[in-house]
Amino acid sequence: MIAAVADAVTDAVPQRTLGRVQRTLTYLVILLMCLLTAVPLYVMLLVAFQPTGAVFSGGDLHIIPQAVTLENFTELLTETDALTYTYNSIVVTVGVMVLATTIACISGYILTRFEFRGKAAFSRSILLSYMFSGIVLAVPFYILFQTLGLLNSHFALVLGLTALLSPLNIWLMWQYFETVPISLEERAWIEGASRWRAVRDVVLPIARPGIVTAAIFSFSAGWNNFLLAQIVLSDSEMYTLPVGAALLLGRDAGWETAMSVSVLICIPPFLIALFFQRYLMLGINIGESG
């Protein structure tokens, strides 16, 4: 009976009206999502680039910039250890990018081009291991690095982040190498090239978009990581930027300092999203096709 009533109502409403309602609801949802994203970013930029107390003054909230200044960033970089934290983040991020992308390329190529015992089980384990979050593996990582004497080192953090990220990157490169015809390698072999030379001169140039995508994912994981860095690193001089930012906020830093360090953290991901958007979309498309 309910279905019959619904059909009758649907027939009574013109299809054009239904289309307009659907479009209107879609635009409203998109607008709401944009506001939820844009408002916090605007407040962050507003506070970071305003003089101290300019946003919250006289008990009022000033949402229109009165003046633009870089004094908050100057104070952040000169009176805190933000530069040290930034350097540590760069070291860790570059290490994760190089190691995770290299492992992904080698593993993805092997899974694509070679047949070996246990390949199916290894393939399933890749997808299964990606289901475990960093929170679940935090304590095992801590015990492992403590046993190996690697605690409070960037090397341990690079290893941990690479282990967490490898399932995604391996799966990504595996799917991408599947799109590279093996006939191109065979042609290189016929011309006298070794397997390594064929991979270097033929496969890797074609797979460059996938490699860049894996490197971008590795960069994001290394730059934005907080949980594992907080667990592995105990010396403040070894802290990465997200952990250092939490330390600054714990010292009763003002809103200006908090927003300035937030802007500093957001700059690299913003630039990557701006200039490498097509590679990010490539990763999403491969994920959907896989």
Protein backbone atom coordinates (compact mmCIF):
# COMPACT_ATOMS: atom_id res chain seq x y z
CA MET A 1 0.00 0.00 0.00
CA ILE A 2 2.82 2.38 0.87
CA ALA A 3 4.48 1.66 -2.47
CA ALA A 4 1.22 2.39 -4.29
CA VAL A 5 0.83 5.71 -2.50
CA ALA A 6 4.43 6.64 -3.30
CA ASP A 7 3.92 5.80 -6.97
CA ALA A 8 0.78 7.91 -7.06
CA VAL A 9 2.56 10.89 -5.51
CA THR A 10 5.47 10.49 -7.90
CA ASP A 11 3.16 10.43 -10.89
CA ALA A 12 1.38 13.51 -9.63
CA VAL A 13 4.53 15.56 -9.37
CA PRO A 14 5.97 16.69 -12.69
CA GLN A 15 9.37 15.25 -13.49
CA ARG A 16 10.71 18.73 -14.16
CA THR A 17 9.83 19.78 -10.61
CA LEU A 18 11.52 16.72 -9.18
CA GLY A 19 14.64 17.54 -11.14
CA ARG A 20 14.68 21.10 -9.82
CA VAL A 21 14.25 19.88 -6.24
CA GLN A 22 17.10 17.40 -6.64
CA ARG A 23 19.41 20.02 -8.11
CA THR A 24 18.50 22.49 -5.37
CA LEU A 25 19.21 19.95 -2.64
CA THR A 26 22.48 19.01 -4.31
CA TYR A 27 23.62 22.64 -4.47
CA LEU A 28 22.62 23.18 -0.84
CA VAL A 29 24.66 20.17 0.28
CA ILE A 30 27.65 21.34 -1.76
CA LEU A 31 27.32 24.85 -0.34
CA LEU A 32 27.16 23.49 3.20
CA MET A 33 30.28 21.37 2.66
CA CYS A 34 32.13 24.36 1.21
CA LEU A 35 31.17 26.51 4.20
CA LEU A 36 32.25 23.83 6.66
CA THR A 37 35.64 23.75 4.93
CA ALA A 38 36.11 27.41 4.12
CA VAL A 39 35.06 29.04 7.40
CA PRO A 40 37.74 27.39 9.58
CA LEU A 41 40.38 28.15 6.95
CA TYR A 42 39.29 31.77 6.77
CA VAL A 43 39.42 32.15 10.55
CA MET A 44 42.88 30.56 10.58
CA LEU A 45 44.20 32.98 7.96
CA LEU A 46 42.40 35.93 9.55
CA VAL A 47 43.97 35.38 12.97
CA ALA A 48 47.42 34.46 11.62
CA PHE A 49 47.84 37.57 9.46
CA GLN A 50 46.30 40.08 11.90
CA PRO A 51 48.15 41.95 14.66
CA THR A 52 47.88 40.53 18.14
CA GLY A 53 44.40 41.13 19.54
CA ALA A 54 43.05 42.62 16.31
CA VAL A 55 40.48 39.88 15.71
CA PHE A 56 39.23 39.73 19.28
CA SER A 57 39.31 43.27 20.61
CA GLY A 58 36.93 45.15 22.87
CA GLY A 59 34.82 42.04 23.29
CA ASP A 60 33.88 42.07 19.60
CA LEU A 61 34.78 39.70 16.78
CA HIS A 62 36.20 41.43 13.69
CA ILE A 63 35.78 39.13 10.70
CA ILE A 64 36.99 41.74 8.18
CA PRO A 65 40.79 42.26 8.20
CA GLN A 66 41.79 45.62 9.64
CA ALA A 67 45.47 45.26 8.73
CA VAL A 68 47.75 42.53 7.38
CA THR A 69 51.03 41.74 9.10
CA LEU A 70 53.66 39.01 9.24
CA GLU A 71 54.71 39.73 12.81
CA ASN A 72 53.05 36.55 14.08
CA PHE A 73 55.14 34.44 11.72
CA THR A 74 58.28 36.39 12.59
CA GLU A 75 57.65 35.77 16.27
CA LEU A 76 56.90 32.10 15.60
CA LEU A 77 60.13 31.51 13.67
CA THR A 78 62.42 33.55 15.91
CA GLU A 79 61.11 32.93 19.41
CA THR A 80 60.12 29.26 19.15
CA ASP A 81 61.65 26.05 17.76
CA ALA A 82 59.36 26.08 14.73
CA LEU A 83 62.30 26.06 12.31
CA THR A 84 63.73 22.98 14.01
CA TYR A 85 60.37 21.25 13.86
CA THR A 86 60.03 22.16 10.18
CA TYR A 87 63.49 20.79 9.40
CA ASN A 88 62.68 17.55 11.19
CA SER A 89 59.42 17.23 9.24
CA ILE A 90 61.28 17.73 5.97
CA VAL A 91 63.83 15.04 6.87
CA VAL A 92 61.12 12.55 7.83
CA THR A 93 58.90 13.39 4.87
CA VAL A 94 61.69 13.03 2.30
CA GLY A 95 62.76 9.75 3.87
CA VAL A 96 59.22 8.37 3.77
CA MET A 97 58.74 9.54 0.17
CA VAL A 98 61.91 7.87 -1.08
CA LEU A 99 61.60 4.62 0.87
CA ALA A 100 57.84 4.08 0.50
CA THR A 101 57.78 4.95 -3.21
CA THR A 102 60.77 2.72 -3.96
CA ILE A 103 59.23 -0.24 -2.12
CA ALA A 104 55.91 0.36 -3.89
CA CYS A 105 57.50 0.42 -7.34
CA ILE A 106 59.53 -2.74 -6.78
CA SER A 107 56.65 -4.66 -5.19
CA GLY A 108 54.09 -3.46 -7.74
CA TYR A 109 56.32 -4.51 -10.64
CA ILE A 110 56.98 -7.94 -9.14
CA LEU A 111 53.29 -8.56 -8.56
CA THR A 112 52.55 -7.57 -12.14
CA ARG A 113 55.30 -9.34 -14.05
CA PHE A 114 56.23 -12.42 -12.00
CA GLU A 115 54.43 -15.56 -10.89
CA PHE A 116 55.58 -17.12 -7.63
CA ARG A 117 54.27 -19.33 -4.89
CA GLY A 118 52.17 -17.44 -2.38
CA LYS A 119 51.43 -14.53 -4.73
CA ALA A 120 47.69 -14.72 -4.12
CA ALA A 121 48.17 -14.83 -0.34
CA PHE A 122 50.59 -11.89 -0.52
CA SER A 123 48.11 -9.91 -2.59
CA ARG A 124 45.35 -10.51 -0.09
CA SER A 125 47.62 -9.62 2.81
CA ILE A 126 48.29 -6.22 1.23
CA LEU A 127 44.61 -5.33 1.24
CA LEU A 128 44.11 -6.87 4.69
CA SER A 129 47.01 -4.98 6.27
CA TYR A 130 45.66 -1.69 4.95
CA MET A 131 42.59 -2.19 7.14
CA PHE A 132 44.67 -1.77 10.31
CA SER A 133 44.86 1.84 11.46
CA GLY A 134 47.88 3.49 12.99
CA ILE A 135 46.20 3.49 16.40
CA VAL A 136 45.99 -0.30 16.41
CA LEU A 137 49.67 -0.65 15.47
CA ALA A 138 50.98 2.13 17.73
CA VAL A 139 51.82 -0.06 20.73
CA PRO A 140 53.41 -2.86 18.63
CA PHE A 141 55.54 -0.26 16.86
CA TYR A 142 56.63 1.18 20.20
CA ILE A 143 57.61 -2.23 21.56
CA LEU A 144 59.43 -3.13 18.33
CA PHE A 145 61.43 0.09 18.17
CA GLN A 146 62.22 -0.10 21.89
CA THR A 147 63.56 -3.63 21.42
CA LEU A 148 65.67 -2.53 18.46
CA GLY A 149 66.90 0.57 20.27
CA LEU A 150 65.44 2.91 17.65
CA LEU A 151 63.17 5.01 19.84
CA ASN A 152 63.54 8.78 19.61
CA SER A 153 65.00 8.66 16.10
CA HIS A 154 63.77 9.89 12.75
CA PHE A 155 64.84 6.59 11.23
CA ALA A 156 62.28 4.71 13.35
CA LEU A 157 59.58 7.18 12.37
CA VAL A 158 60.43 6.76 8.67
CA LEU A 159 60.29 2.97 9.01
CA GLY A 160 56.97 3.08 10.85
CA LEU A 161 55.30 5.45 8.41
CA THR A 162 56.62 3.45 5.46
CA ALA A 163 55.14 0.27 6.95
CA LEU A 164 51.77 1.97 7.42
CA LEU A 165 51.77 3.47 3.95
CA SER A 166 53.23 0.58 1.93
CA PRO A 167 49.96 -1.39 1.48
CA LEU A 168 48.27 1.58 -0.19
CA ASN A 169 51.26 2.48 -2.35
CA ILE A 170 51.97 -1.12 -3.37
CA TRP A 171 48.36 -1.62 -4.35
CA LEU A 172 48.38 1.66 -6.27
CA MET A 173 51.53 0.82 -8.25
CA TRP A 174 50.35 -2.73 -8.80
CA GLN A 175 47.18 -1.44 -10.43
CA TYR A 176 49.12 1.09 -12.49
CA PHE A 177 51.75 -1.38 -13.75
CA GLU A 178 48.86 -3.55 -14.91
CA THR A 179 48.07 -0.82 -17.46
CA VAL A 180 51.60 -0.91 -18.95
CA PRO A 181 51.68 -3.46 -21.82
CA ILE A 182 54.34 -6.13 -21.37
CA SER A 183 54.84 -6.06 -25.14
CA LEU A 184 56.81 -2.82 -24.72
CA GLU A 185 59.29 -4.61 -22.47
CA GLU A 186 59.47 -7.58 -24.82
CA ARG A 187 60.34 -5.26 -27.69
CA ALA A 188 63.16 -3.80 -25.60
CA TRP A 189 64.41 -7.28 -24.76
CA ILE A 190 64.45 -8.22 -28.44
CA GLU A 191 66.60 -5.16 -29.10
CA GLY A 192 69.11 -6.42 -26.54
CA ALA A 193 68.11 -4.52 -23.41
CA SER A 194 68.30 -6.22 -20.02
CA ARG A 195 65.26 -6.41 -17.77
CA TRP A 196 66.57 -3.59 -15.58
CA ARG A 197 67.25 -1.37 -18.58
CA ALA A 198 63.81 -2.11 -20.00
CA VAL A 199 62.24 -1.18 -16.67
CA ARG A 200 64.31 1.98 -16.38
CA ASP A 201 63.93 3.19 -19.97
CA VAL A 202 60.46 1.91 -20.86
CA VAL A 203 58.29 1.03 -17.87
CA LEU A 204 59.20 3.73 -15.36
CA PRO A 205 58.73 6.67 -17.78
CA ILE A 206 55.26 5.37 -18.66
CA ALA A 207 54.48 4.76 -14.99
CA ARG A 208 55.67 8.22 -13.95
CA PRO A 209 52.16 9.52 -13.14
CA GLY A 210 51.59 6.57 -10.81
CA ILE A 211 54.98 7.06 -9.19
CA VAL A 212 54.26 10.75 -8.61
CA THR A 213 50.89 9.84 -7.12
CA ALA A 214 52.52 7.37 -4.71
CA ALA A 215 55.10 10.01 -3.79
CA ILE A 216 52.34 12.54 -3.08
CA PHE A 217 50.53 10.10 -0.79
CA SER A 218 53.85 9.38 0.95
CA PHE A 219 54.51 13.09 1.38
CA SER A 220 51.09 13.66 2.92
CA ALA A 221 51.55 10.76 5.34
CA GLY A 222 55.00 11.93 6.40
CA TRP A 223 54.19 15.62 6.71
CA ASN A 224 50.85 15.36 8.49
CA ASN A 225 51.55 12.43 10.82
CA PHE A 226 51.07 13.14 14.49
CA LEU A 227 50.25 9.92 16.35
CA LEU A 228 53.30 7.82 15.49
CA ALA A 229 55.65 10.79 15.80
CA GLN A 230 54.34 11.53 19.27
CA ILE A 231 54.85 7.90 20.31
CA VAL A 232 58.29 7.36 18.80
CA LEU A 233 59.89 10.73 19.53
CA SER A 234 60.55 11.80 23.12
CA ASP A 235 63.13 14.59 22.72
CA SER A 236 61.62 17.94 21.80
CA GLU A 237 64.58 18.63 19.49
CA MET A 238 63.48 15.64 17.39
CA TYR A 239 59.82 16.66 17.14
CA THR A 240 58.21 17.10 13.76
CA LEU A 241 56.03 20.12 13.03
CA PRO A 242 52.63 18.62 14.03
CA VAL A 243 54.02 17.39 17.37
CA GLY A 244 55.87 20.65 17.89
CA ALA A 245 52.69 22.58 17.22
CA ALA A 246 50.91 20.58 19.92
CA LEU A 247 53.80 21.37 22.28
CA LEU A 248 53.48 25.09 21.55
CA LEU A 249 49.75 25.00 22.18
CA GLY A 250 50.38 23.18 25.45
CA ARG A 251 52.51 26.11 26.59
CA ASP A 252 49.52 28.44 26.54
CA ALA A 253 50.47 30.01 23.24
CA GLY A 254 48.13 32.72 21.98
CA TRP A 255 45.63 32.33 19.19
CA GLU A 256 48.00 34.14 16.82
CA THR A 257 50.80 31.60 17.40
CA ALA A 258 48.40 28.68 17.10
CA MET A 259 46.99 29.89 13.79
CA SER A 260 50.42 30.83 12.43
CA VAL A 261 51.82 27.35 12.99
CA SER A 262 48.64 25.92 11.50
CA VAL A 263 49.22 27.96 8.35
CA LEU A 264 52.81 26.72 8.25
CA ILE A 265 51.60 23.12 8.40
CA CYS A 266 48.97 23.69 5.69
CA ILE A 267 51.23 25.34 3.10
CA PRO A 268 52.88 22.21 1.58
CA PRO A 269 49.63 20.19 1.26
CA PHE A 270 47.94 23.23 -0.28
CA LEU A 271 50.71 23.60 -2.87
CA ILE A 272 50.55 19.90 -3.69
CA ALA A 273 46.79 20.04 -4.14
CA LEU A 274 47.20 23.14 -6.31
CA PHE A 275 49.95 21.95 -8.66
CA PHE A 276 49.51 18.15 -8.61
CA GLN A 277 45.75 17.87 -8.69
CA ARG A 278 45.70 15.65 -11.76
CA TYR A 279 47.95 13.10 -10.07
CA LEU A 280 45.65 13.01 -7.04
CA MET A 281 42.68 12.44 -9.34
CA LEU A 282 44.68 9.70 -11.06
CA GLY A 283 45.08 7.91 -7.75
CA ILE A 284 41.35 8.19 -7.09
CA ASN A 285 40.49 6.90 -10.58
CA ILE A 286 42.84 3.95 -10.24
CA GLY A 287 41.31 3.20 -6.85
CA GLU A 288 37.82 3.16 -8.37
CA SER A 289 38.86 0.98 -11.33
CA GLY A 290 40.77 -1.42 -9.06
